[in-house]
Structure formats: structure tokens, C-alpha cells
Amino acid sequence: RYMASNITISKEVFDFLTELKNNNNREWFEEQKPNFKKYQSEVKNFLEGVKVNLSHHDDIEKMKLFRIYRDVRFSKDKTPYKTHFAGFFSRLGAHLRGGYYIHIKPGESFLGAGFWAPNKEDLFRIRKELEMDADEFREVINQKELKSIWGELQGEGVKTAPKGFDQDHPNIDLIRKKQF
């Protein structure tokens, strides 16, 4: 299979995002729209290359480039534009869930992988698996190399125990999680 090589993002993309952060208003953005379109296209090409390479290791169904426009309806921060580019890669089919996320922002870029907001059925299944045996899962998330690259397991959780689970269960720290 084909591997995408030399997939990079130019410094100009990061310079544009820095300028956008400093001039986050409609007037500036409208003047810069041709540049935005050029950099958005560059980021999309980068993400397409990442998708090709991810497909060598996982079954990727689709890639999504998130919109630059912020939803400010219920926010105190009324700046109209996100100051980053982001993409998401969905895994193929109903049997493969979760995915990969790329966040591109000057000085704050990062990657994410896993289940951000699993549906009710998937979350219950994950919790049941952890209730039965979390040893293999703990072994994976506690690997030194994995932690050095990805850090600690992150995501929101419930305060006590989810409905139907024992709050004194030895794996309750994992069972409480809503995101993985």
C-alpha cells in the first residue's frame, strides 16, 4: 500500500493562526479569507496524508476537518473564530469505534486517540469489561513508552459509581470514566 511521505505543515499556517489570534474579528478575517482558504487547503492535504498513513495500522473510514467558525451562542467569549485547525479520523464500521484527533495550534498542538464521547451502549460495554478484568487495560495504559508519548489516561468521569456498579469495586477509578 502507498505511504504518504514528507507530509508537513508550513510555518505560514502557524503564522496565520497567530495573526488570527491577535485579530480575531470578522473584518480582519474577511480581508484574509484568500489566505485562510490556502492554509485550510494545506492542512486538509496534510490530514489526508495522515489518513493514508493511519490506514496502514487501522481501518479508517473518513477524515473530518473541523470548521474554523466558533459557536458563540452560549459563550461569554464572543470571538468568532477558532485559533486552531483540527481534524478527526473515524474508524471503519460499527464494530470499530473511537478514533484519532489532531489539534494544530502554535505552541499547543497535540494528538488524541480513543473514545471521546462513547454512546450509552459502548460506555456500558467498556465499563462491564473493566468490571470483569481491567488487568490488561491497566498494563497497556501504564506502559512507560505509551505514557511518554500520550501521557496519562484523560477524560471526564462520574463522581461516585455509575448506575449498576459497585462504588467499592477495585477498578472503580476506571469504571467511573465517561471518556477514554
N, C-alpha and C. Protein backbone atom coordinates (compact mmCIF):
# COMPACT_ATOMS: atom_id res chain seq x y z
N ARG A 1 0.83 -1.20 0.00
CA ARG A 1 0.00 0.00 0.00
C ARG A 1 0.87 1.26 0.00
N TYR A 2 0.33 2.30 -0.52
CA TYR A 2 1.00 3.61 -0.62
C TYR A 2 1.14 4.25 0.77
N MET A 3 2.33 4.79 1.05
CA MET A 3 2.56 5.57 2.27
C MET A 3 2.81 7.01 1.86
N ALA A 4 2.12 7.92 2.51
CA ALA A 4 2.35 9.34 2.26
C ALA A 4 3.65 9.72 2.94
N SER A 5 4.53 10.40 2.22
CA SER A 5 5.80 10.80 2.83
C SER A 5 5.92 12.32 2.79
N ASN A 6 6.78 12.80 3.64
CA ASN A 6 7.04 14.23 3.69
C ASN A 6 5.76 15.05 3.85
N ILE A 7 4.89 14.58 4.74
CA ILE A 7 3.68 15.35 5.00
C ILE A 7 3.98 16.34 6.13
N THR A 8 3.90 17.59 5.80
CA THR A 8 4.24 18.63 6.77
C THR A 8 3.24 19.77 6.67
N ILE A 9 3.32 20.63 7.65
CA ILE A 9 2.55 21.87 7.65
C ILE A 9 3.55 23.01 7.66
N SER A 10 3.36 23.97 6.79
CA SER A 10 4.33 25.06 6.68
C SER A 10 4.24 26.00 7.89
N LYS A 11 5.32 26.72 8.09
CA LYS A 11 5.37 27.74 9.15
C LYS A 11 4.30 28.80 8.92
N GLU A 12 3.97 29.05 7.65
CA GLU A 12 2.98 30.08 7.32
C GLU A 12 1.61 29.76 7.92
N VAL A 13 1.26 28.48 8.03
CA VAL A 13 -0.02 28.10 8.65
C VAL A 13 -0.03 28.56 10.11
N PHE A 14 1.06 28.31 10.81
CA PHE A 14 1.16 28.70 12.22
C PHE A 14 1.20 30.23 12.36
N ASP A 15 1.90 30.88 11.43
CA ASP A 15 1.92 32.35 11.44
C ASP A 15 0.51 32.91 11.25
N PHE A 16 -0.25 32.32 10.32
CA PHE A 16 -1.63 32.76 10.10
C PHE A 16 -2.47 32.58 11.37
N LEU A 17 -2.34 31.44 12.02
CA LEU A 17 -3.12 31.19 13.25
C LEU A 17 -2.73 32.17 14.36
N THR A 18 -1.46 32.53 14.44
CA THR A 18 -1.03 33.53 15.42
C THR A 18 -1.66 34.88 15.11
N GLU A 19 -1.64 35.27 13.83
CA GLU A 19 -2.26 36.52 13.41
C GLU A 19 -3.77 36.51 13.69
N LEU A 20 -4.40 35.37 13.44
CA LEU A 20 -5.83 35.24 13.72
C LEU A 20 -6.12 35.42 15.21
N LYS A 21 -5.27 34.86 16.03
CA LYS A 21 -5.44 35.01 17.48
C LYS A 21 -5.38 36.49 17.88
N ASN A 22 -4.47 37.22 17.24
CA ASN A 22 -4.29 38.64 17.56
C ASN A 22 -5.32 39.55 16.88
N ASN A 23 -6.04 39.03 15.89
CA ASN A 23 -7.01 39.83 15.13
C ASN A 23 -8.30 39.04 14.93
N ASN A 24 -8.83 38.49 16.00
CA ASN A 24 -9.98 37.60 15.88
C ASN A 24 -11.28 38.41 15.74
N ASN A 25 -11.47 38.94 14.53
CA ASN A 25 -12.68 39.70 14.23
C ASN A 25 -13.04 39.48 12.77
N ARG A 26 -14.29 39.73 12.44
CA ARG A 26 -14.80 39.45 11.10
C ARG A 26 -14.13 40.29 10.00
N GLU A 27 -13.85 41.56 10.33
CA GLU A 27 -13.26 42.43 9.31
C GLU A 27 -11.89 41.91 8.88
N TRP A 28 -11.04 41.60 9.84
CA TRP A 28 -9.70 41.09 9.53
C TRP A 28 -9.81 39.77 8.77
N PHE A 29 -10.68 38.89 9.26
CA PHE A 29 -10.80 37.57 8.65
C PHE A 29 -11.27 37.68 7.19
N GLU A 30 -12.23 38.55 6.92
CA GLU A 30 -12.72 38.71 5.54
C GLU A 30 -11.60 39.15 4.61
N GLU A 31 -10.74 40.07 5.09
CA GLU A 31 -9.59 40.51 4.29
C GLU A 31 -8.61 39.36 4.05
N GLN A 32 -8.52 38.47 5.02
CA GLN A 32 -7.56 37.36 4.95
C GLN A 32 -8.15 36.06 4.40
N LYS A 33 -9.39 36.10 3.95
CA LYS A 33 -10.08 34.89 3.51
C LYS A 33 -9.31 34.11 2.43
N PRO A 34 -8.73 34.78 1.43
CA PRO A 34 -7.94 34.00 0.45
C PRO A 34 -6.78 33.25 1.11
N ASN A 35 -6.10 33.90 2.06
CA ASN A 35 -5.01 33.21 2.78
C ASN A 35 -5.56 32.06 3.61
N PHE A 36 -6.68 32.31 4.29
CA PHE A 36 -7.29 31.25 5.09
C PHE A 36 -7.59 30.03 4.22
N LYS A 37 -8.20 30.26 3.06
CA LYS A 37 -8.55 29.16 2.15
C LYS A 37 -7.29 28.38 1.74
N LYS A 38 -6.20 29.10 1.48
CA LYS A 38 -4.95 28.46 1.08
C LYS A 38 -4.42 27.59 2.22
N TYR A 39 -4.41 28.12 3.45
CA TYR A 39 -3.88 27.37 4.59
C TYR A 39 -4.81 26.24 5.00
N GLN A 40 -6.10 26.46 4.87
CA GLN A 40 -7.06 25.39 5.16
C GLN A 40 -6.83 24.22 4.19
N SER A 41 -6.60 24.53 2.94
CA SER A 41 -6.33 23.50 1.93
C SER A 41 -5.03 22.75 2.26
N GLU A 42 -4.02 23.48 2.70
CA GLU A 42 -2.75 22.85 3.09
C GLU A 42 -2.96 21.89 4.26
N VAL A 43 -3.72 22.32 5.25
CA VAL A 43 -3.99 21.46 6.41
C VAL A 43 -4.81 20.24 5.99
N LYS A 44 -5.77 20.45 5.10
CA LYS A 44 -6.57 19.32 4.63
C LYS A 44 -5.69 18.30 3.91
N ASN A 45 -4.76 18.77 3.08
CA ASN A 45 -3.82 17.86 2.39
C ASN A 45 -2.96 17.12 3.41
N PHE A 46 -2.51 17.82 4.44
CA PHE A 46 -1.73 17.19 5.50
C PHE A 46 -2.55 16.08 6.16
N LEU A 47 -3.79 16.39 6.50
CA LEU A 47 -4.65 15.40 7.16
C LEU A 47 -4.94 14.21 6.24
N GLU A 48 -5.09 14.46 4.95
CA GLU A 48 -5.28 13.35 4.01
C GLU A 48 -4.06 12.43 4.00
N GLY A 49 -2.85 13.02 4.08
CA GLY A 49 -1.63 12.22 4.17
C GLY A 49 -1.57 11.41 5.45
N VAL A 50 -1.99 12.03 6.56
CA VAL A 50 -2.03 11.31 7.83
C VAL A 50 -3.02 10.14 7.73
N LYS A 51 -4.15 10.39 7.08
CA LYS A 51 -5.16 9.33 6.92
C LYS A 51 -4.58 8.15 6.15
N VAL A 52 -3.87 8.43 5.08
CA VAL A 52 -3.24 7.36 4.29
C VAL A 52 -2.31 6.54 5.18
N ASN A 53 -1.48 7.22 5.97
CA ASN A 53 -0.54 6.51 6.82
C ASN A 53 -1.24 5.77 7.96
N LEU A 54 -2.27 6.37 8.55
CA LEU A 54 -3.04 5.69 9.60
C LEU A 54 -3.68 4.42 9.06
N SER A 55 -4.07 4.44 7.81
CA SER A 55 -4.75 3.30 7.20
C SER A 55 -3.85 2.07 7.11
N HIS A 56 -2.57 2.25 7.27
CA HIS A 56 -1.65 1.10 7.30
C HIS A 56 -1.72 0.37 8.64
N HIS A 57 -2.25 1.03 9.65
CA HIS A 57 -2.28 0.47 11.01
C HIS A 57 -3.68 0.25 11.54
N ASP A 58 -4.68 0.85 10.92
CA ASP A 58 -6.04 0.80 11.41
C ASP A 58 -6.99 0.97 10.23
N ASP A 59 -8.22 0.59 10.40
CA ASP A 59 -9.22 0.76 9.35
C ASP A 59 -9.90 2.10 9.54
N ILE A 60 -9.52 3.07 8.72
CA ILE A 60 -10.03 4.42 8.83
C ILE A 60 -11.13 4.62 7.79
N GLU A 61 -12.30 5.05 8.25
CA GLU A 61 -13.43 5.26 7.35
C GLU A 61 -13.39 6.64 6.70
N LYS A 62 -13.20 7.67 7.54
CA LYS A 62 -13.22 9.01 6.98
C LYS A 62 -12.43 9.98 7.84
N MET A 63 -12.11 11.10 7.21
CA MET A 63 -11.40 12.18 7.88
C MET A 63 -12.30 13.40 7.84
N LYS A 64 -12.33 14.13 8.95
CA LYS A 64 -13.14 15.35 9.01
C LYS A 64 -12.23 16.51 9.43
N LEU A 65 -12.27 17.59 8.67
CA LEU A 65 -11.60 18.83 9.04
C LEU A 65 -12.65 19.72 9.69
N PHE A 66 -12.43 20.11 10.93
CA PHE A 66 -13.41 20.92 11.65
C PHE A 66 -13.45 22.34 11.11
N ARG A 67 -14.61 22.96 11.23
CA ARG A 67 -14.81 24.34 10.79
C ARG A 67 -14.02 25.31 11.67
N ILE A 68 -13.65 26.44 11.10
CA ILE A 68 -12.91 27.47 11.83
C ILE A 68 -13.85 28.36 12.64
N TYR A 69 -15.13 28.34 12.30
CA TYR A 69 -16.10 29.23 12.94
C TYR A 69 -16.52 28.69 14.30
N ARG A 70 -16.49 29.54 15.31
CA ARG A 70 -16.89 29.16 16.67
C ARG A 70 -18.39 29.32 16.84
N ASP A 71 -19.00 28.48 17.65
CA ASP A 71 -20.39 28.63 18.05
C ASP A 71 -20.38 29.50 19.30
N VAL A 72 -20.77 30.74 19.17
CA VAL A 72 -20.66 31.70 20.28
C VAL A 72 -22.01 31.96 20.96
N ARG A 73 -23.03 31.22 20.56
CA ARG A 73 -24.38 31.49 21.09
C ARG A 73 -24.46 31.45 22.61
N PHE A 74 -23.80 30.50 23.24
CA PHE A 74 -23.91 30.36 24.69
C PHE A 74 -22.59 30.61 25.40
N SER A 75 -21.69 31.31 24.73
CA SER A 75 -20.36 31.53 25.26
C SER A 75 -20.17 32.99 25.67
N LYS A 76 -19.44 33.19 26.76
CA LYS A 76 -19.07 34.56 27.15
C LYS A 76 -18.02 35.12 26.18
N ASP A 77 -17.17 34.23 25.67
CA ASP A 77 -16.15 34.61 24.70
C ASP A 77 -16.81 34.70 23.32
N LYS A 78 -16.94 35.88 22.79
CA LYS A 78 -17.64 36.08 21.52
C LYS A 78 -16.69 36.18 20.32
N THR A 79 -15.42 35.83 20.50
CA THR A 79 -14.53 35.84 19.34
C THR A 79 -15.07 34.84 18.31
N PRO A 80 -15.16 35.25 17.04
CA PRO A 80 -15.88 34.44 16.06
C PRO A 80 -15.13 33.23 15.49
N TYR A 81 -13.80 33.17 15.69
CA TYR A 81 -13.04 32.12 15.01
C TYR A 81 -12.19 31.32 15.99
N LYS A 82 -12.06 30.04 15.69
CA LYS A 82 -11.13 29.19 16.43
C LYS A 82 -9.73 29.59 16.00
N THR A 83 -8.79 29.48 16.89
CA THR A 83 -7.41 29.86 16.57
C THR A 83 -6.56 28.61 16.35
N HIS A 84 -7.21 27.58 15.85
CA HIS A 84 -6.52 26.33 15.54
C HIS A 84 -7.23 25.63 14.38
N PHE A 85 -6.54 24.69 13.78
CA PHE A 85 -7.15 23.75 12.85
C PHE A 85 -7.25 22.43 13.59
N ALA A 86 -8.24 21.62 13.25
CA ALA A 86 -8.38 20.31 13.89
C ALA A 86 -9.00 19.34 12.92
N GLY A 87 -8.61 18.09 13.08
CA GLY A 87 -9.16 17.03 12.25
C GLY A 87 -9.45 15.80 13.07
N PHE A 88 -10.40 15.00 12.60
CA PHE A 88 -10.77 13.76 13.28
C PHE A 88 -10.81 12.63 12.26
N PHE A 89 -10.32 11.47 12.66
CA PHE A 89 -10.32 10.28 11.82
C PHE A 89 -11.21 9.23 12.47
N SER A 90 -12.28 8.86 11.77
CA SER A 90 -13.21 7.85 12.27
C SER A 90 -12.76 6.47 11.83
N ARG A 91 -12.93 5.50 12.73
CA ARG A 91 -12.61 4.13 12.39
C ARG A 91 -13.76 3.51 11.61
N LEU A 92 -13.47 2.50 10.80
CA LEU A 92 -14.41 1.91 9.85
C LEU A 92 -15.42 0.98 10.51
N GLY A 93 -16.68 1.21 10.18
CA GLY A 93 -17.74 0.27 10.54
C GLY A 93 -18.23 0.36 11.96
N ALA A 94 -19.33 -0.32 12.21
CA ALA A 94 -19.97 -0.29 13.53
C ALA A 94 -19.15 -1.05 14.57
N HIS A 95 -18.33 -2.00 14.13
CA HIS A 95 -17.56 -2.80 15.09
C HIS A 95 -16.28 -2.10 15.55
N LEU A 96 -15.84 -1.08 14.84
CA LEU A 96 -14.66 -0.32 15.24
C LEU A 96 -15.12 1.08 15.63
N ARG A 97 -14.95 1.43 16.88
CA ARG A 97 -15.40 2.74 17.34
C ARG A 97 -14.19 3.56 17.77
N GLY A 98 -14.45 4.76 18.23
CA GLY A 98 -13.35 5.62 18.64
C GLY A 98 -12.69 6.24 17.43
N GLY A 99 -11.56 6.86 17.67
CA GLY A 99 -10.87 7.49 16.55
C GLY A 99 -9.65 8.26 16.99
N TYR A 100 -9.18 9.11 16.10
CA TYR A 100 -7.97 9.89 16.31
C TYR A 100 -8.27 11.36 16.06
N TYR A 101 -7.66 12.24 16.84
CA TYR A 101 -7.90 13.68 16.74
C TYR A 101 -6.55 14.38 16.63
N ILE A 102 -6.45 15.36 15.73
CA ILE A 102 -5.24 16.19 15.60
C ILE A 102 -5.66 17.64 15.80
N HIS A 103 -4.94 18.33 16.69
CA HIS A 103 -5.20 19.73 17.02
C HIS A 103 -3.94 20.51 16.64
N ILE A 104 -4.08 21.47 15.74
CA ILE A 104 -2.93 22.22 15.21
C ILE A 104 -3.05 23.67 15.65
N LYS A 105 -2.15 24.06 16.56
CA LYS A 105 -2.19 25.42 17.11
C LYS A 105 -0.76 25.78 17.53
N PRO A 106 -0.31 26.99 17.24
CA PRO A 106 1.05 27.38 17.60
C PRO A 106 1.33 27.14 19.10
N GLY A 107 2.32 26.33 19.38
CA GLY A 107 2.74 26.05 20.74
C GLY A 107 1.82 25.14 21.53
N GLU A 108 0.71 24.71 20.94
CA GLU A 108 -0.26 23.89 21.67
C GLU A 108 -0.83 22.76 20.82
N SER A 109 -0.11 22.29 19.83
CA SER A 109 -0.59 21.19 19.00
C SER A 109 -0.54 19.89 19.79
N PHE A 110 -1.50 19.00 19.51
CA PHE A 110 -1.49 17.71 20.19
C PHE A 110 -2.29 16.69 19.39
N LEU A 111 -2.11 15.42 19.75
CA LEU A 111 -2.84 14.30 19.18
C LEU A 111 -3.68 13.67 20.27
N GLY A 112 -4.80 13.12 19.88
CA GLY A 112 -5.63 12.37 20.81
C GLY A 112 -6.11 11.10 20.14
N ALA A 113 -6.36 10.08 20.94
CA ALA A 113 -6.87 8.81 20.41
C ALA A 113 -7.78 8.19 21.45
N GLY A 114 -8.79 7.49 20.99
CA GLY A 114 -9.66 6.76 21.90
C GLY A 114 -11.12 7.07 21.69
N PHE A 115 -11.88 6.94 22.78
CA PHE A 115 -13.31 7.22 22.79
C PHE A 115 -13.51 8.54 23.50
N TRP A 116 -13.90 9.59 22.78
CA TRP A 116 -14.13 10.88 23.44
C TRP A 116 -15.50 10.91 24.09
N ALA A 117 -16.51 10.51 23.39
CA ALA A 117 -17.87 10.52 23.95
C ALA A 117 -18.61 9.28 23.45
N PRO A 118 -18.27 8.11 24.00
CA PRO A 118 -18.92 6.89 23.52
C PRO A 118 -20.42 6.93 23.80
N ASN A 119 -21.19 6.29 22.92
CA ASN A 119 -22.63 6.23 23.15
C ASN A 119 -22.91 5.36 24.39
N LYS A 120 -24.12 5.43 24.86
CA LYS A 120 -24.51 4.76 26.11
C LYS A 120 -24.18 3.27 26.09
N GLU A 121 -24.46 2.61 24.99
CA GLU A 121 -24.22 1.17 24.88
C GLU A 121 -22.73 0.85 24.92
N ASP A 122 -21.94 1.63 24.17
CA ASP A 122 -20.48 1.40 24.18
C ASP A 122 -19.89 1.66 25.55
N LEU A 123 -20.33 2.73 26.20
CA LEU A 123 -19.82 3.06 27.53
C LEU A 123 -20.13 1.95 28.51
N PHE A 124 -21.35 1.43 28.47
CA PHE A 124 -21.74 0.33 29.36
C PHE A 124 -20.86 -0.89 29.09
N ARG A 125 -20.64 -1.20 27.83
CA ARG A 125 -19.81 -2.36 27.48
C ARG A 125 -18.37 -2.19 27.98
N ILE A 126 -17.81 -1.01 27.80
CA ILE A 126 -16.45 -0.73 28.28
C ILE A 126 -16.39 -0.90 29.80
N ARG A 127 -17.36 -0.33 30.49
CA ARG A 127 -17.39 -0.44 31.96
C ARG A 127 -17.53 -1.88 32.41
N LYS A 128 -18.37 -2.66 31.72
CA LYS A 128 -18.54 -4.08 32.08
C LYS A 128 -17.23 -4.84 31.89
N GLU A 129 -16.54 -4.55 30.81
CA GLU A 129 -15.23 -5.18 30.58
C GLU A 129 -14.25 -4.83 31.70
N LEU A 130 -14.23 -3.56 32.10
CA LEU A 130 -13.33 -3.13 33.18
C LEU A 130 -13.75 -3.72 34.51
N GLU A 131 -15.04 -3.91 34.70
CA GLU A 131 -15.54 -4.53 35.93
C GLU A 131 -15.09 -5.99 36.01
N MET A 132 -15.12 -6.70 34.87
CA MET A 132 -14.73 -8.11 34.87
C MET A 132 -13.22 -8.28 35.03
N ASP A 133 -12.45 -7.47 34.31
CA ASP A 133 -11.00 -7.62 34.36
C ASP A 133 -10.34 -6.41 33.71
N ALA A 134 -9.67 -5.60 34.49
CA ALA A 134 -9.00 -4.41 33.96
C ALA A 134 -7.49 -4.59 33.89
N ASP A 135 -6.99 -5.78 34.19
CA ASP A 135 -5.54 -6.00 34.24
C ASP A 135 -4.86 -5.67 32.91
N GLU A 136 -5.38 -6.20 31.81
CA GLU A 136 -4.76 -5.96 30.51
C GLU A 136 -4.83 -4.47 30.14
N PHE A 137 -5.97 -3.84 30.41
CA PHE A 137 -6.14 -2.42 30.12
C PHE A 137 -5.14 -1.59 30.93
N ARG A 138 -5.00 -1.91 32.23
CA ARG A 138 -4.03 -1.19 33.08
C ARG A 138 -2.60 -1.41 32.59
N GLU A 139 -2.33 -2.63 32.17
CA GLU A 139 -0.99 -2.93 31.67
C GLU A 139 -0.66 -2.04 30.47
N VAL A 140 -1.63 -1.87 29.57
CA VAL A 140 -1.42 -1.03 28.39
C VAL A 140 -1.27 0.44 28.78
N ILE A 141 -2.20 0.97 29.57
CA ILE A 141 -2.16 2.41 29.87
C ILE A 141 -1.01 2.79 30.80
N ASN A 142 -0.40 1.81 31.45
CA ASN A 142 0.73 2.09 32.35
C ASN A 142 2.09 1.82 31.72
N GLN A 143 2.12 1.47 30.44
CA GLN A 143 3.40 1.26 29.77
C GLN A 143 4.17 2.57 29.71
N LYS A 144 5.45 2.50 30.07
CA LYS A 144 6.29 3.70 30.10
C LYS A 144 6.33 4.41 28.74
N GLU A 145 6.53 3.63 27.68
CA GLU A 145 6.63 4.24 26.34
C GLU A 145 5.32 4.92 25.95
N LEU A 146 4.19 4.27 26.21
CA LEU A 146 2.89 4.86 25.91
C LEU A 146 2.70 6.15 26.69
N LYS A 147 3.01 6.13 27.99
CA LYS A 147 2.86 7.33 28.82
C LYS A 147 3.77 8.45 28.36
N SER A 148 4.99 8.11 27.91
CA SER A 148 5.92 9.15 27.48
C SER A 148 5.41 9.86 26.23
N ILE A 149 4.63 9.17 25.41
CA ILE A 149 4.10 9.76 24.19
C ILE A 149 2.73 10.38 24.43
N TRP A 150 1.83 9.65 25.08
CA TRP A 150 0.43 10.06 25.21
C TRP A 150 0.08 10.65 26.57
N GLY A 151 0.91 10.42 27.58
CA GLY A 151 0.58 10.91 28.92
C GLY A 151 -0.40 9.99 29.61
N GLU A 152 -1.04 10.51 30.64
CA GLU A 152 -2.00 9.73 31.43
C GLU A 152 -3.34 9.63 30.69
N LEU A 153 -4.10 8.61 31.01
CA LEU A 153 -5.46 8.48 30.50
C LEU A 153 -6.26 9.70 30.95
N GLN A 154 -6.95 10.33 30.02
CA GLN A 154 -7.72 11.53 30.33
C GLN A 154 -9.18 11.33 29.96
N GLY A 155 -10.01 12.21 30.46
CA GLY A 155 -11.43 12.17 30.15
C GLY A 155 -12.26 12.37 31.39
N GLU A 156 -13.47 12.86 31.19
CA GLU A 156 -14.37 13.12 32.31
C GLU A 156 -14.89 11.82 32.89
N GLY A 157 -15.39 11.91 34.12
CA GLY A 157 -15.98 10.76 34.77
C GLY A 157 -17.09 11.17 35.72
N VAL A 158 -17.82 10.20 36.22
CA VAL A 158 -18.85 10.48 37.22
C VAL A 158 -18.18 10.57 38.59
N LYS A 159 -18.83 11.23 39.53
CA LYS A 159 -18.22 11.46 40.85
C LYS A 159 -18.15 10.20 41.70
N THR A 160 -19.19 9.38 41.68
CA THR A 160 -19.20 8.16 42.51
C THR A 160 -19.11 6.95 41.60
N ALA A 161 -20.13 6.13 41.60
CA ALA A 161 -20.15 4.96 40.72
C ALA A 161 -21.29 5.10 39.72
N PRO A 162 -21.09 4.67 38.48
CA PRO A 162 -22.20 4.68 37.53
C PRO A 162 -23.31 3.75 38.02
N LYS A 163 -24.50 4.03 37.59
CA LYS A 163 -25.66 3.22 37.98
C LYS A 163 -25.39 1.74 37.66
N GLY A 164 -25.62 0.89 38.66
CA GLY A 164 -25.44 -0.55 38.48
C GLY A 164 -24.04 -1.06 38.78
N PHE A 165 -23.13 -0.17 39.20
CA PHE A 165 -21.75 -0.58 39.50
C PHE A 165 -21.45 -0.31 40.97
N ASP A 166 -20.64 -1.17 41.58
CA ASP A 166 -20.29 -1.07 43.00
C ASP A 166 -19.23 0.01 43.18
N GLN A 167 -19.52 0.99 44.04
CA GLN A 167 -18.57 2.08 44.26
C GLN A 167 -17.30 1.63 44.97
N ASP A 168 -17.31 0.42 45.54
CA ASP A 168 -16.12 -0.12 46.21
C ASP A 168 -15.35 -1.10 45.32
N HIS A 169 -15.73 -1.22 44.06
CA HIS A 169 -15.05 -2.13 43.13
C HIS A 169 -13.58 -1.70 43.00
N PRO A 170 -12.65 -2.66 42.95
CA PRO A 170 -11.22 -2.30 42.85
C PRO A 170 -10.87 -1.50 41.58
N ASN A 171 -11.69 -1.58 40.55
CA ASN A 171 -11.42 -0.84 39.30
C ASN A 171 -12.34 0.36 39.12
N ILE A 172 -12.92 0.83 40.21
CA ILE A 172 -13.89 1.92 40.11
C ILE A 172 -13.26 3.19 39.51
N ASP A 173 -11.96 3.38 39.71
CA ASP A 173 -11.30 4.56 39.12
C ASP A 173 -11.43 4.56 37.60
N LEU A 174 -11.42 3.38 36.98
CA LEU A 174 -11.59 3.27 35.53
C LEU A 174 -13.07 3.21 35.14
N ILE A 175 -13.86 2.51 35.93
CA ILE A 175 -15.29 2.34 35.63
C ILE A 175 -16.01 3.70 35.67
N ARG A 176 -15.55 4.61 36.49
CA ARG A 176 -16.15 5.95 36.58
C ARG A 176 -16.02 6.77 35.32
N LYS A 177 -15.01 6.47 34.52
CA LYS A 177 -14.72 7.29 33.33
C LYS A 177 -15.87 7.28 32.34
N LYS A 178 -16.07 8.43 31.67
CA LYS A 178 -17.05 8.57 30.60
C LYS A 178 -16.36 8.72 29.24
N GLN A 179 -15.06 8.96 29.29
CA GLN A 179 -14.27 9.15 28.08
C GLN A 179 -12.94 8.44 28.27
N PHE A 180 -12.42 7.91 27.19
CA PHE A 180 -11.17 7.14 27.28
C PHE A 180 -10.20 7.55 26.19
